[in-house]
Amino acid sequence: MAPDPEPDPEPFPDGDSGFGPRVDPDPEPDAEPFPDGWAGPGRGAFPERSAGAGPDPLAGGPPQVFRLEGRGGVFAGPSDFAYLPRDGRAEVGSARGGRFALAGARCEHRLPARYGPAGAVPVELRGAGTCSRQVHNFAAADVFPCDRLIAVEVLTPGGNWSSYPPHKHDEHHPGEESRLEEIYFFEIAPHDGVPGLGYQRVSPSPAGKTDVLAEVRTGDTVLIPDGWHGPSIAAPGHDMYYLNVMAGPDATREWLIRDHPDHGWIRGTWPGLAVDPRLPFPRAEDPA
């Protein structure tokens, strides 16, 4: 999508940003764009994906624009992405069509719009044995600065238990647990054309009463306002994907969890086990 050579007088009021060809999104960020002492990525953090600086829409120039390359599917490696500020407005377009995930959270601070390349997304192999899974930490709390939002992707080979041991983050305990509501959005890989399924468990915690055992299929979402959540069970032969989106009211944006006291011991068995050999899932090559 190319920028309009003659944009409307007010294409994005109030400093909103849009999508389109890639540019350095904020050549001169606000004086305090990142709370909690973050310096923020700023210019040059993703030099291999920068294509120069565009006019600042806050000064009445045309909208900031980003070209997103995307990927063939959720199991094809991390995707590039764009961050829009609070109260931002965007247009998303694709000549060939596609699917787009828009994750958001209520927040107080207006941070600069930015582009995140797929090659900069940290890929983590978590757990071991039948608890092995792969995590794409594209907007994890310690990776990509946001005000409230935390978002990651988790890929689990068929037959494995993910999001295990059950854990929670619904109480504020400094240095131990943070308060975060969460969603799980699922996609389940088919096998020989047959749609797959999985299961998600959420059990009551001292801070809440959420009690869910859900059969999940592609397109399903499980809401987790509180409670011990896990396992996320992938049926044999059907790899499982879920997008985790979290946000909460604590002053510091961090992901701190407590394991269920009856099941946390499983972590102690992982050092003697190998990670599932089906991991990592293939990582898509970044476009030249």
C-alpha atoms as a PDB file:
ATOM      1  CA  MET A   1       0.000   0.000   0.000  1.00  0.00           C
ATOM      2  CA  ALA A   2       1.582   3.264  -1.078  1.00  0.00           C
ATOM      3  CA  PRO A   3       1.088   6.573   0.729  1.00  0.00           C
ATOM      4  CA  ASP A   4      -1.319   9.042  -0.819  1.00  0.00           C
ATOM      5  CA  PRO A   5       0.826  11.553  -2.735  1.00  0.00           C
ATOM      6  CA  GLU A   6      -1.731  14.230  -1.877  1.00  0.00           C
ATOM      7  CA  PRO A   7      -3.094  13.291   1.559  1.00  0.00           C
ATOM      8  CA  ASP A   8      -6.242  14.801   2.960  1.00  0.00           C
ATOM      9  CA  PRO A   9      -5.724  17.932   5.046  1.00  0.00           C
ATOM     10  CA  GLU A  10      -6.288  15.886   8.226  1.00  0.00           C
ATOM     11  CA  PRO A  11      -5.664  12.236   7.227  1.00  0.00           C
ATOM     12  CA  PHE A  12      -5.081  11.064  10.787  1.00  0.00           C
ATOM     13  CA  PRO A  13      -6.286  13.602  13.391  1.00  0.00           C
ATOM     14  CA  ASP A  14      -4.766  13.768  16.837  1.00  0.00           C
ATOM     15  CA  GLY A  15      -1.480  12.324  15.619  1.00  0.00           C
ATOM     16  CA  ASP A  16      -2.811   8.890  14.626  1.00  0.00           C
ATOM     17  CA  SER A  17      -0.714   6.581  12.439  1.00  0.00           C
ATOM     18  CA  GLY A  18      -1.452   4.288   9.501  1.00  0.00           C
ATOM     19  CA  PHE A  19       0.063   1.342   7.663  1.00  0.00           C
ATOM     20  CA  GLY A  20       1.768   1.249   4.280  1.00  0.00           C
ATOM     21  CA  PRO A  21       5.382   1.204   2.974  1.00  0.00           C
ATOM     22  CA  ARG A  22       7.975   0.936   5.689  1.00  0.00           C
ATOM     23  CA  VAL A  23       9.690   4.013   7.121  1.00  0.00           C
ATOM     24  CA  ASP A  24      11.406   4.993  10.326  1.00  0.00           C
ATOM     25  CA  PRO A  25       8.214   5.509  12.362  1.00  0.00           C
ATOM     26  CA  ASP A  26       9.277   8.192  14.825  1.00  0.00           C
ATOM     27  CA  PRO A  27      12.482  10.098  14.050  1.00  0.00           C
ATOM     28  CA  GLU A  28      12.064  12.353  17.084  1.00  0.00           C
ATOM     29  CA  PRO A  29       9.993  10.598  19.762  1.00  0.00           C
ATOM     30  CA  ASP A  30       8.327  12.435  22.609  1.00  0.00           C
ATOM     31  CA  ALA A  31      10.496  13.525  25.499  1.00  0.00           C
ATOM     32  CA  GLU A  32       9.136  10.732  27.721  1.00  0.00           C
ATOM     33  CA  PRO A  33       7.749   8.106  25.325  1.00  0.00           C
ATOM     34  CA  PHE A  34       8.645   5.062  27.413  1.00  0.00           C
ATOM     35  CA  PRO A  35       7.590   4.742  31.078  1.00  0.00           C
ATOM     36  CA  ASP A  36       9.432   2.833  33.788  1.00  0.00           C
ATOM     37  CA  GLY A  37      12.851   3.952  32.621  1.00  0.00           C
ATOM     38  CA  TRP A  38      12.816   2.330  29.172  1.00  0.00           C
ATOM     39  CA  ALA A  39      14.951   4.053  26.613  1.00  0.00           C
ATOM     40  CA  GLY A  40      12.842   2.586  23.790  1.00  0.00           C
ATOM     41  CA  PRO A  41      14.038   1.414  20.385  1.00  0.00           C
ATOM     42  CA  GLY A  42      14.057   4.782  18.610  1.00  0.00           C
ATOM     43  CA  ARG A  43      15.746   5.292  15.265  1.00  0.00           C
ATOM     44  CA  GLY A  44      18.075   2.541  14.097  1.00  0.00           C
ATOM     45  CA  ALA A  45      16.870  -0.209  16.436  1.00  0.00           C
ATOM     46  CA  PHE A  46      15.775  -2.153  13.347  1.00  0.00           C
ATOM     47  CA  PRO A  47      18.174  -0.774  10.734  1.00  0.00           C
ATOM     48  CA  GLU A  48      17.719  -3.688   8.354  1.00  0.00           C
ATOM     49  CA  ARG A  49      14.063  -2.762   8.027  1.00  0.00           C
ATOM     50  CA  SER A  50      14.276   1.037   8.068  1.00  0.00           C
ATOM     51  CA  ALA A  51      13.806   2.904   4.807  1.00  0.00           C
ATOM     52  CA  GLY A  52      14.268   6.499   5.889  1.00  0.00           C
ATOM     53  CA  ALA A  53      12.230   8.930   7.917  1.00  0.00           C
ATOM     54  CA  GLY A  54       8.842  10.310   6.952  1.00  0.00           C
ATOM     55  CA  PRO A  55       7.178  13.559   8.017  1.00  0.00           C
ATOM     56  CA  ASP A  56       5.757  13.683  11.512  1.00  0.00           C
ATOM     57  CA  PRO A  57       1.926  13.477  11.443  1.00  0.00           C
ATOM     58  CA  LEU A  58       1.809  15.394  14.721  1.00  0.00           C
ATOM     59  CA  ALA A  59       3.161  18.345  12.755  1.00  0.00           C
ATOM     60  CA  GLY A  60       0.467  18.038  10.099  1.00  0.00           C
ATOM     61  CA  GLY A  61       2.402  15.884   7.643  1.00  0.00           C
ATOM     62  CA  PRO A  62       1.173  12.717   5.913  1.00  0.00           C
ATOM     63  CA  PRO A  63       0.559   9.548   7.945  1.00  0.00           C
ATOM     64  CA  GLN A  64       3.364   7.264   8.991  1.00  0.00           C
ATOM     65  CA  VAL A  65       3.300   4.082   6.947  1.00  0.00           C
ATOM     66  CA  PHE A  66       4.635   0.535   7.343  1.00  0.00           C
ATOM     67  CA  ARG A  67       4.777  -2.378   4.920  1.00  0.00           C
ATOM     68  CA  LEU A  68       4.117  -5.672   6.691  1.00  0.00           C
ATOM     69  CA  GLU A  69       5.473  -8.753   4.923  1.00  0.00           C
ATOM     70  CA  GLY A  70       3.514 -11.228   7.062  1.00  0.00           C
ATOM     71  CA  ARG A  71       3.921 -14.982   6.662  1.00  0.00           C
ATOM     72  CA  GLY A  72       2.229 -17.971   5.075  1.00  0.00           C
ATOM     73  CA  GLY A  73       0.663 -19.192   8.316  1.00  0.00           C
ATOM     74  CA  VAL A  74       1.090 -19.192  12.081  1.00  0.00           C
ATOM     75  CA  PHE A  75       3.444 -22.195  11.973  1.00  0.00           C
ATOM     76  CA  ALA A  76       5.740 -20.538   9.397  1.00  0.00           C
ATOM     77  CA  GLY A  77       7.864 -18.620  11.908  1.00  0.00           C
ATOM     78  CA  PRO A  78       7.464 -15.219  13.561  1.00  0.00           C
ATOM     79  CA  SER A  79       5.763 -12.431  11.672  1.00  0.00           C
ATOM     80  CA  ASP A  80       6.757  -8.819  11.461  1.00  0.00           C
ATOM     81  CA  PHE A  81       4.326  -6.422  13.113  1.00  0.00           C
ATOM     82  CA  ALA A  82       3.512  -2.789  13.758  1.00  0.00           C
ATOM     83  CA  TYR A  83       2.723  -0.933  16.966  1.00  0.00           C
ATOM     84  CA  LEU A  84       0.177   1.872  16.959  1.00  0.00           C
ATOM     85  CA  PRO A  85      -0.095   4.443  19.748  1.00  0.00           C
ATOM     86  CA  ARG A  86      -3.046   5.054  22.018  1.00  0.00           C
ATOM     87  CA  ASP A  87      -5.996   6.634  20.172  1.00  0.00           C
ATOM     88  CA  GLY A  88      -4.288   5.754  16.896  1.00  0.00           C
ATOM     89  CA  ARG A  89      -6.273   5.120  13.742  1.00  0.00           C
ATOM     90  CA  ALA A  90      -5.034   2.936  10.920  1.00  0.00           C
ATOM     91  CA  GLU A  91      -5.952   1.584   7.531  1.00  0.00           C
ATOM     92  CA  VAL A  92      -4.906  -1.997   6.764  1.00  0.00           C
ATOM     93  CA  GLY A  93      -4.811  -3.108   3.149  1.00  0.00           C
ATOM     94  CA  SER A  94      -3.567  -6.089   1.164  1.00  0.00           C
ATOM     95  CA  ALA A  95      -3.746  -6.684  -2.569  1.00  0.00           C
ATOM     96  CA  ARG A  96      -3.836 -10.467  -2.028  1.00  0.00           C
ATOM     97  CA  GLY A  97      -5.995 -10.522   1.102  1.00  0.00           C
ATOM     98  CA  GLY A  98      -4.975 -12.051   4.385  1.00  0.00           C
ATOM     99  CA  ARG A  99      -5.770 -12.317   8.064  1.00  0.00           C
ATOM    100  CA  PHE A 100      -4.749  -9.730  10.638  1.00  0.00           C
ATOM    101  CA  ALA A 101      -4.589  -9.868  14.430  1.00  0.00           C
ATOM    102  CA  LEU A 102      -5.164  -6.621  16.307  1.00  0.00           C
ATOM    103  CA  ALA A 103      -4.222  -6.870  19.982  1.00  0.00           C
ATOM    104  CA  GLY A 104      -4.800  -3.916  22.278  1.00  0.00           C
ATOM    105  CA  ALA A 105      -5.111  -2.834  25.883  1.00  0.00           C
ATOM    106  CA  ARG A 106      -6.269   0.201  27.803  1.00  0.00           C
ATOM    107  CA  CYS A 107      -3.309   2.400  28.619  1.00  0.00           C
ATOM    108  CA  GLU A 108      -2.311   5.855  29.814  1.00  0.00           C
ATOM    109  CA  HIS A 109       0.805   6.720  27.818  1.00  0.00           C
ATOM    110  CA  ARG A 110       1.026   7.503  24.122  1.00  0.00           C
ATOM    111  CA  LEU A 111       4.138   5.812  22.724  1.00  0.00           C
ATOM    112  CA  PRO A 112       5.519   6.299  19.198  1.00  0.00           C
ATOM    113  CA  ALA A 113       4.405   4.095  16.334  1.00  0.00           C
ATOM    114  CA  ARG A 114       7.034   1.500  15.440  1.00  0.00           C
ATOM    115  CA  TYR A 115       7.773  -1.385  13.087  1.00  0.00           C
ATOM    116  CA  GLY A 116       9.034  -4.755  14.401  1.00  0.00           C
ATOM    117  CA  PRO A 117      10.799  -7.051  11.914  1.00  0.00           C
ATOM    118  CA  ALA A 118      10.341 -10.803  12.087  1.00  0.00           C
ATOM    119  CA  GLY A 119      14.088 -11.314  12.411  1.00  0.00           C
ATOM    120  CA  ALA A 120      14.176  -9.376  15.680  1.00  0.00           C
ATOM    121  CA  VAL A 121      11.505 -11.498  17.400  1.00  0.00           C
ATOM    122  CA  PRO A 122      13.126 -13.639  20.129  1.00  0.00           C
ATOM    123  CA  VAL A 123      12.233 -17.339  19.729  1.00  0.00           C
ATOM    124  CA  GLU A 124      12.261 -19.351  22.964  1.00  0.00           C
ATOM    125  CA  LEU A 125      12.017 -23.119  23.407  1.00  0.00           C
ATOM    126  CA  ARG A 126      10.290 -23.583  26.745  1.00  0.00           C
ATOM    127  CA  GLY A 127       9.832 -26.742  28.810  1.00  0.00           C
ATOM    128  CA  ALA A 128      11.080 -30.212  27.853  1.00  0.00           C
ATOM    129  CA  GLY A 129       9.810 -33.626  26.822  1.00  0.00           C
ATOM    130  CA  THR A 130       6.042 -33.690  26.404  1.00  0.00           C
ATOM    131  CA  CYS A 131       5.856 -30.195  27.931  1.00  0.00           C
ATOM    132  CA  SER A 132       7.964 -28.670  25.133  1.00  0.00           C
ATOM    133  CA  ARG A 133       6.652 -25.627  23.275  1.00  0.00           C
ATOM    134  CA  GLN A 134       7.962 -22.712  21.242  1.00  0.00           C
ATOM    135  CA  VAL A 135       7.341 -19.078  22.174  1.00  0.00           C
ATOM    136  CA  HIS A 136       7.593 -16.037  19.899  1.00  0.00           C
ATOM    137  CA  ASN A 137       8.187 -13.161  22.312  1.00  0.00           C
ATOM    138  CA  PHE A 138       7.352 -10.356  19.876  1.00  0.00           C
ATOM    139  CA  ALA A 139       5.775  -8.055  22.471  1.00  0.00           C
ATOM    140  CA  ALA A 140       6.951  -9.626  25.720  1.00  0.00           C
ATOM    141  CA  ALA A 141       7.368  -7.296  28.685  1.00  0.00           C
ATOM    142  CA  ASP A 142      11.172  -7.344  28.534  1.00  0.00           C
ATOM    143  CA  VAL A 143      11.439  -7.270  24.730  1.00  0.00           C
ATOM    144  CA  PHE A 144       9.215  -4.620  23.142  1.00  0.00           C
ATOM    145  CA  PRO A 145       8.200  -1.432  24.994  1.00  0.00           C
ATOM    146  CA  CYS A 146       4.464  -0.870  25.403  1.00  0.00           C
ATOM    147  CA  ASP A 147       2.505   0.842  28.141  1.00  0.00           C
ATOM    148  CA  ARG A 148       0.279  -2.058  29.273  1.00  0.00           C
ATOM    149  CA  LEU A 149       0.119  -4.586  26.467  1.00  0.00           C
ATOM    150  CA  ILE A 150       1.992  -7.903  26.583  1.00  0.00           C
ATOM    151  CA  ALA A 151       1.612 -10.323  23.654  1.00  0.00           C
ATOM    152  CA  VAL A 152       3.362 -13.542  22.617  1.00  0.00           C
ATOM    153  CA  GLU A 153       2.676 -16.541  20.390  1.00  0.00           C
ATOM    154  CA  VAL A 154       3.003 -20.161  21.564  1.00  0.00           C
ATOM    155  CA  LEU A 155       3.321 -23.195  19.275  1.00  0.00           C
ATOM    156  CA  THR A 156       2.904 -26.686  20.721  1.00  0.00           C
ATOM    157  CA  PRO A 157       3.600 -29.956  18.868  1.00  0.00           C
ATOM    158  CA  GLY A 158       0.689 -32.388  18.682  1.00  0.00           C
ATOM    159  CA  GLY A 159       0.333 -34.552  21.789  1.00  0.00           C
ATOM    160  CA  ASN A 160       2.179 -32.130  24.093  1.00  0.00           C
ATOM    161  CA  TRP A 161       0.927 -30.219  27.122  1.00  0.00           C
ATOM    162  CA  SER A 162       1.570 -26.488  26.928  1.00  0.00           C
ATOM    163  CA  SER A 163       1.019 -23.681  29.440  1.00  0.00           C
ATOM    164  CA  TYR A 164       2.080 -26.205  32.060  1.00  0.00           C
ATOM    165  CA  PRO A 165       2.442 -26.401  35.009  1.00  0.00           C
ATOM    166  CA  PRO A 166      -0.765 -24.462  35.708  1.00  0.00           C
ATOM    167  CA  HIS A 167       0.090 -20.940  36.781  1.00  0.00           C
ATOM    168  CA  LYS A 168      -1.634 -17.698  37.620  1.00  0.00           C
ATOM    169  CA  HIS A 169      -1.107 -13.936  37.612  1.00  0.00           C
ATOM    170  CA  ASP A 170      -4.170 -12.467  39.288  1.00  0.00           C
ATOM    171  CA  GLU A 171      -2.701 -11.006  42.498  1.00  0.00           C
ATOM    172  CA  HIS A 172      -0.086  -8.336  43.107  1.00  0.00           C
ATOM    173  CA  HIS A 173       2.931  -9.689  44.985  1.00  0.00           C
ATOM    174  CA  PRO A 174       5.979  -7.486  44.292  1.00  0.00           C
ATOM    175  CA  GLY A 175       8.745  -9.462  42.644  1.00  0.00           C
ATOM    176  CA  GLU A 176       6.663 -12.658  42.612  1.00  0.00           C
ATOM    177  CA  GLU A 177       3.347 -12.187  40.802  1.00  0.00           C
ATOM    178  CA  SER A 178       1.752  -9.484  38.680  1.00  0.00           C
ATOM    179  CA  ARG A 179      -1.913  -8.850  37.904  1.00  0.00           C
ATOM    180  CA  LEU A 180      -2.687  -9.622  34.266  1.00  0.00           C
ATOM    181  CA  GLU A 181      -5.896 -10.575  32.542  1.00  0.00           C
ATOM    182  CA  GLU A 182      -5.293 -12.772  29.503  1.00  0.00           C
ATOM    183  CA  ILE A 183      -6.820 -14.251  26.378  1.00  0.00           C
ATOM    184  CA  TYR A 184      -5.831 -17.351  24.431  1.00  0.00           C
ATOM    185  CA  PHE A 185      -6.717 -17.290  20.717  1.00  0.00           C
ATOM    186  CA  PHE A 186      -6.279 -20.727  19.127  1.00  0.00           C
ATOM    187  CA  GLU A 187      -5.451 -22.225  15.769  1.00  0.00           C
ATOM    188  CA  ILE A 188      -5.164 -26.002  15.456  1.00  0.00           C
ATOM    189  CA  ALA A 189      -3.317 -27.564  12.514  1.00  0.00           C
ATOM    190  CA  PRO A 190      -5.341 -30.087  10.494  1.00  0.00           C
ATOM    191  CA  HIS A 191      -4.039 -33.569   9.681  1.00  0.00           C
ATOM    192  CA  ASP A 192      -4.696 -34.941   6.188  1.00  0.00           C
ATOM    193  CA  GLY A 193      -7.400 -32.316   5.809  1.00  0.00           C
ATOM    194  CA  VAL A 194      -9.160 -33.260   9.040  1.00  0.00           C
ATOM    195  CA  PRO A 195      -9.613 -30.303  11.438  1.00  0.00           C
ATOM    196  CA  GLY A 196      -7.909 -30.608  14.790  1.00  0.00           C
ATOM    197  CA  LEU A 197      -8.859 -29.803  18.339  1.00  0.00           C
ATOM    198  CA  GLY A 198      -7.325 -29.209  21.740  1.00  0.00           C
ATOM    199  CA  TYR A 199      -8.317 -28.510  25.333  1.00  0.00           C
ATOM    200  CA  GLN A 200      -7.816 -25.605  27.695  1.00  0.00           C
ATOM    201  CA  ARG A 201      -8.196 -25.754  31.467  1.00  0.00           C
ATOM    202  CA  VAL A 202      -8.670 -22.830  33.868  1.00  0.00           C
ATOM    203  CA  SER A 203      -9.322 -23.610  37.544  1.00  0.00           C
ATOM    204  CA  PRO A 204     -10.337 -21.332  40.427  1.00  0.00           C
ATOM    205  CA  SER A 205      -7.649 -19.544  42.428  1.00  0.00           C
ATOM    206  CA  PRO A 206      -7.851 -17.694  45.756  1.00  0.00           C
ATOM    207  CA  ALA A 207      -8.329 -14.458  43.791  1.00  0.00           C
ATOM    208  CA  GLY A 208     -11.065 -15.643  41.416  1.00  0.00           C
ATOM    209  CA  LYS A 209     -13.674 -18.218  40.499  1.00  0.00           C
ATOM    210  CA  THR A 210     -13.013 -18.873  36.811  1.00  0.00           C
ATOM    211  CA  ASP A 211     -13.581 -22.585  36.152  1.00  0.00           C
ATOM    212  CA  VAL A 212     -13.299 -23.676  32.503  1.00  0.00           C
ATOM    213  CA  LEU A 213     -12.574 -26.892  30.654  1.00  0.00           C
ATOM    214  CA  ALA A 214     -13.003 -26.009  26.986  1.00  0.00           C
ATOM    215  CA  GLU A 215     -12.599 -27.946  23.779  1.00  0.00           C
ATOM    216  CA  VAL A 216     -10.918 -25.504  21.420  1.00  0.00           C
ATOM    217  CA  ARG A 217     -10.689 -25.402  17.651  1.00  0.00           C
ATOM    218  CA  THR A 218      -9.321 -22.902  15.153  1.00  0.00           C
ATOM    219  CA  GLY A 219     -10.796 -19.474  15.823  1.00  0.00           C
ATOM    220  CA  ASP A 220     -11.774 -20.131  19.442  1.00  0.00           C
ATOM    221  CA  THR A 221     -10.802 -17.749  22.226  1.00  0.00           C
ATOM    222  CA  VAL A 222     -10.649 -18.469  25.968  1.00  0.00           C
ATOM    223  CA  LEU A 223     -10.897 -15.506  28.357  1.00  0.00           C
ATOM    224  CA  ILE A 224      -8.881 -15.714  31.579  1.00  0.00           C
ATOM    225  CA  PRO A 225      -9.668 -12.849  33.958  1.00  0.00           C
ATOM    226  CA  ASP A 226      -8.209 -14.865  36.854  1.00  0.00           C
ATOM    227  CA  GLY A 227      -7.411 -18.398  37.931  1.00  0.00           C
ATOM    228  CA  TRP A 228      -4.813 -21.103  37.450  1.00  0.00           C
ATOM    229  CA  HIS A 229      -4.541 -21.662  33.693  1.00  0.00           C
ATOM    230  CA  GLY A 230      -3.107 -24.733  32.045  1.00  0.00           C
ATOM    231  CA  PRO A 231      -2.657 -27.147  30.578  1.00  0.00           C
ATOM    232  CA  SER A 232      -3.299 -26.259  26.957  1.00  0.00           C
ATOM    233  CA  ILE A 233      -3.442 -29.734  25.431  1.00  0.00           C
ATOM    234  CA  ALA A 234      -2.681 -30.375  21.760  1.00  0.00           C
ATOM    235  CA  ALA A 235      -4.314 -33.524  20.412  1.00  0.00           C
ATOM    236  CA  PRO A 236      -1.855 -36.030  18.898  1.00  0.00           C
ATOM    237  CA  GLY A 237      -1.263 -35.287  15.224  1.00  0.00           C
ATOM    238  CA  HIS A 238      -2.513 -31.710  15.518  1.00  0.00           C
ATOM    239  CA  ASP A 239      -0.050 -28.947  16.338  1.00  0.00           C
ATOM    240  CA  MET A 240      -1.528 -26.142  18.424  1.00  0.00           C
ATOM    241  CA  TYR A 241      -1.001 -22.390  18.139  1.00  0.00           C
ATOM    242  CA  TYR A 242      -2.260 -19.732  20.486  1.00  0.00           C
ATOM    243  CA  LEU A 243      -1.851 -15.994  20.691  1.00  0.00           C
ATOM    244  CA  ASN A 244      -1.579 -14.754  24.290  1.00  0.00           C
ATOM    245  CA  VAL A 245      -2.597 -11.158  24.953  1.00  0.00           C
ATOM    246  CA  MET A 246      -2.251  -9.771  28.482  1.00  0.00           C
ATOM    247  CA  ALA A 247      -2.655  -6.497  30.341  1.00  0.00           C
ATOM    248  CA  GLY A 248      -3.206  -5.429  33.916  1.00  0.00           C
ATOM    249  CA  PRO A 249      -3.410  -2.533  36.370  1.00  0.00           C
ATOM    250  CA  ASP A 250      -0.030  -2.842  38.094  1.00  0.00           C
ATOM    251  CA  ALA A 251       2.290   0.158  37.893  1.00  0.00           C
ATOM    252  CA  THR A 252       5.090  -1.893  36.316  1.00  0.00           C
ATOM    253  CA  ARG A 253       4.556  -3.842  33.101  1.00  0.00           C
ATOM    254  CA  GLU A 254       5.961  -7.286  33.872  1.00  0.00           C
ATOM    255  CA  TRP A 255       5.026 -10.953  33.500  1.00  0.00           C
ATOM    256  CA  LEU A 256       5.396 -12.600  36.903  1.00  0.00           C
ATOM    257  CA  ILE A 257       3.628 -15.900  37.576  1.00  0.00           C
ATOM    258  CA  ARG A 258       3.035 -18.357  40.390  1.00  0.00           C
ATOM    259  CA  ASP A 259       2.918 -22.077  39.639  1.00  0.00           C
ATOM    260  CA  HIS A 260       0.127 -24.193  41.073  1.00  0.00           C
ATOM    261  CA  PRO A 261       1.521 -25.701  44.306  1.00  0.00           C
ATOM    262  CA  ASP A 262       0.344 -29.196  43.360  1.00  0.00           C
ATOM    263  CA  HIS A 263       2.018 -29.226  39.959  1.00  0.00           C
ATOM    264  CA  GLY A 264       5.001 -26.871  40.005  1.00  0.00           C
ATOM    265  CA  TRP A 265       7.356 -29.778  40.770  1.00  0.00           C
ATOM    266  CA  ILE A 266       7.258 -30.764  37.082  1.00  0.00           C
ATOM    267  CA  ARG A 267       9.753 -27.998  36.284  1.00  0.00           C
ATOM    268  CA  GLY A 268      12.346 -29.866  38.319  1.00  0.00           C
ATOM    269  CA  THR A 269      12.207 -32.791  35.882  1.00  0.00           C
ATOM    270  CA  TRP A 270      13.008 -30.753  32.779  1.00  0.00           C
ATOM    271  CA  PRO A 271      16.805 -30.431  33.198  1.00  0.00           C
ATOM    272  CA  GLY A 272      17.130 -34.192  32.580  1.00  0.00           C
ATOM    273  CA  LEU A 273      14.904 -34.211  29.507  1.00  0.00           C
ATOM    274  CA  ALA A 274      15.539 -33.158  25.926  1.00  0.00           C
ATOM    275  CA  VAL A 275      13.378 -30.617  24.170  1.00  0.00           C
ATOM    276  CA  ASP A 276      10.900 -32.218  21.773  1.00  0.00           C
ATOM    277  CA  PRO A 277      12.895 -32.910  18.558  1.00  0.00           C
ATOM    278  CA  ARG A 278      10.019 -31.511  16.465  1.00  0.00           C
ATOM    279  CA  LEU A 279      11.041 -28.079  17.699  1.00  0.00           C
ATOM    280  CA  PRO A 280      11.815 -25.508  16.583  1.00  0.00           C
ATOM    281  CA  PHE A 281       9.112 -25.112  13.990  1.00  0.00           C
ATOM    282  CA  PRO A 282      10.566 -23.809  10.708  1.00  0.00           C
ATOM    283  CA  ARG A 283      11.444 -20.159  10.867  1.00  0.00           C
ATOM    284  CA  ALA A 284      10.372 -18.134   7.847  1.00  0.00           C
ATOM    285  CA  GLU A 285      13.194 -16.353   6.065  1.00  0.00           C
ATOM    286  CA  ASP A 286      13.115 -12.605   6.323  1.00  0.00           C
ATOM    287  CA  PRO A 287      12.512 -10.932   2.969  1.00  0.00           C
ATOM    288  CA  ALA A 288      15.581  -9.478   1.315  1.00  0.00           C
END
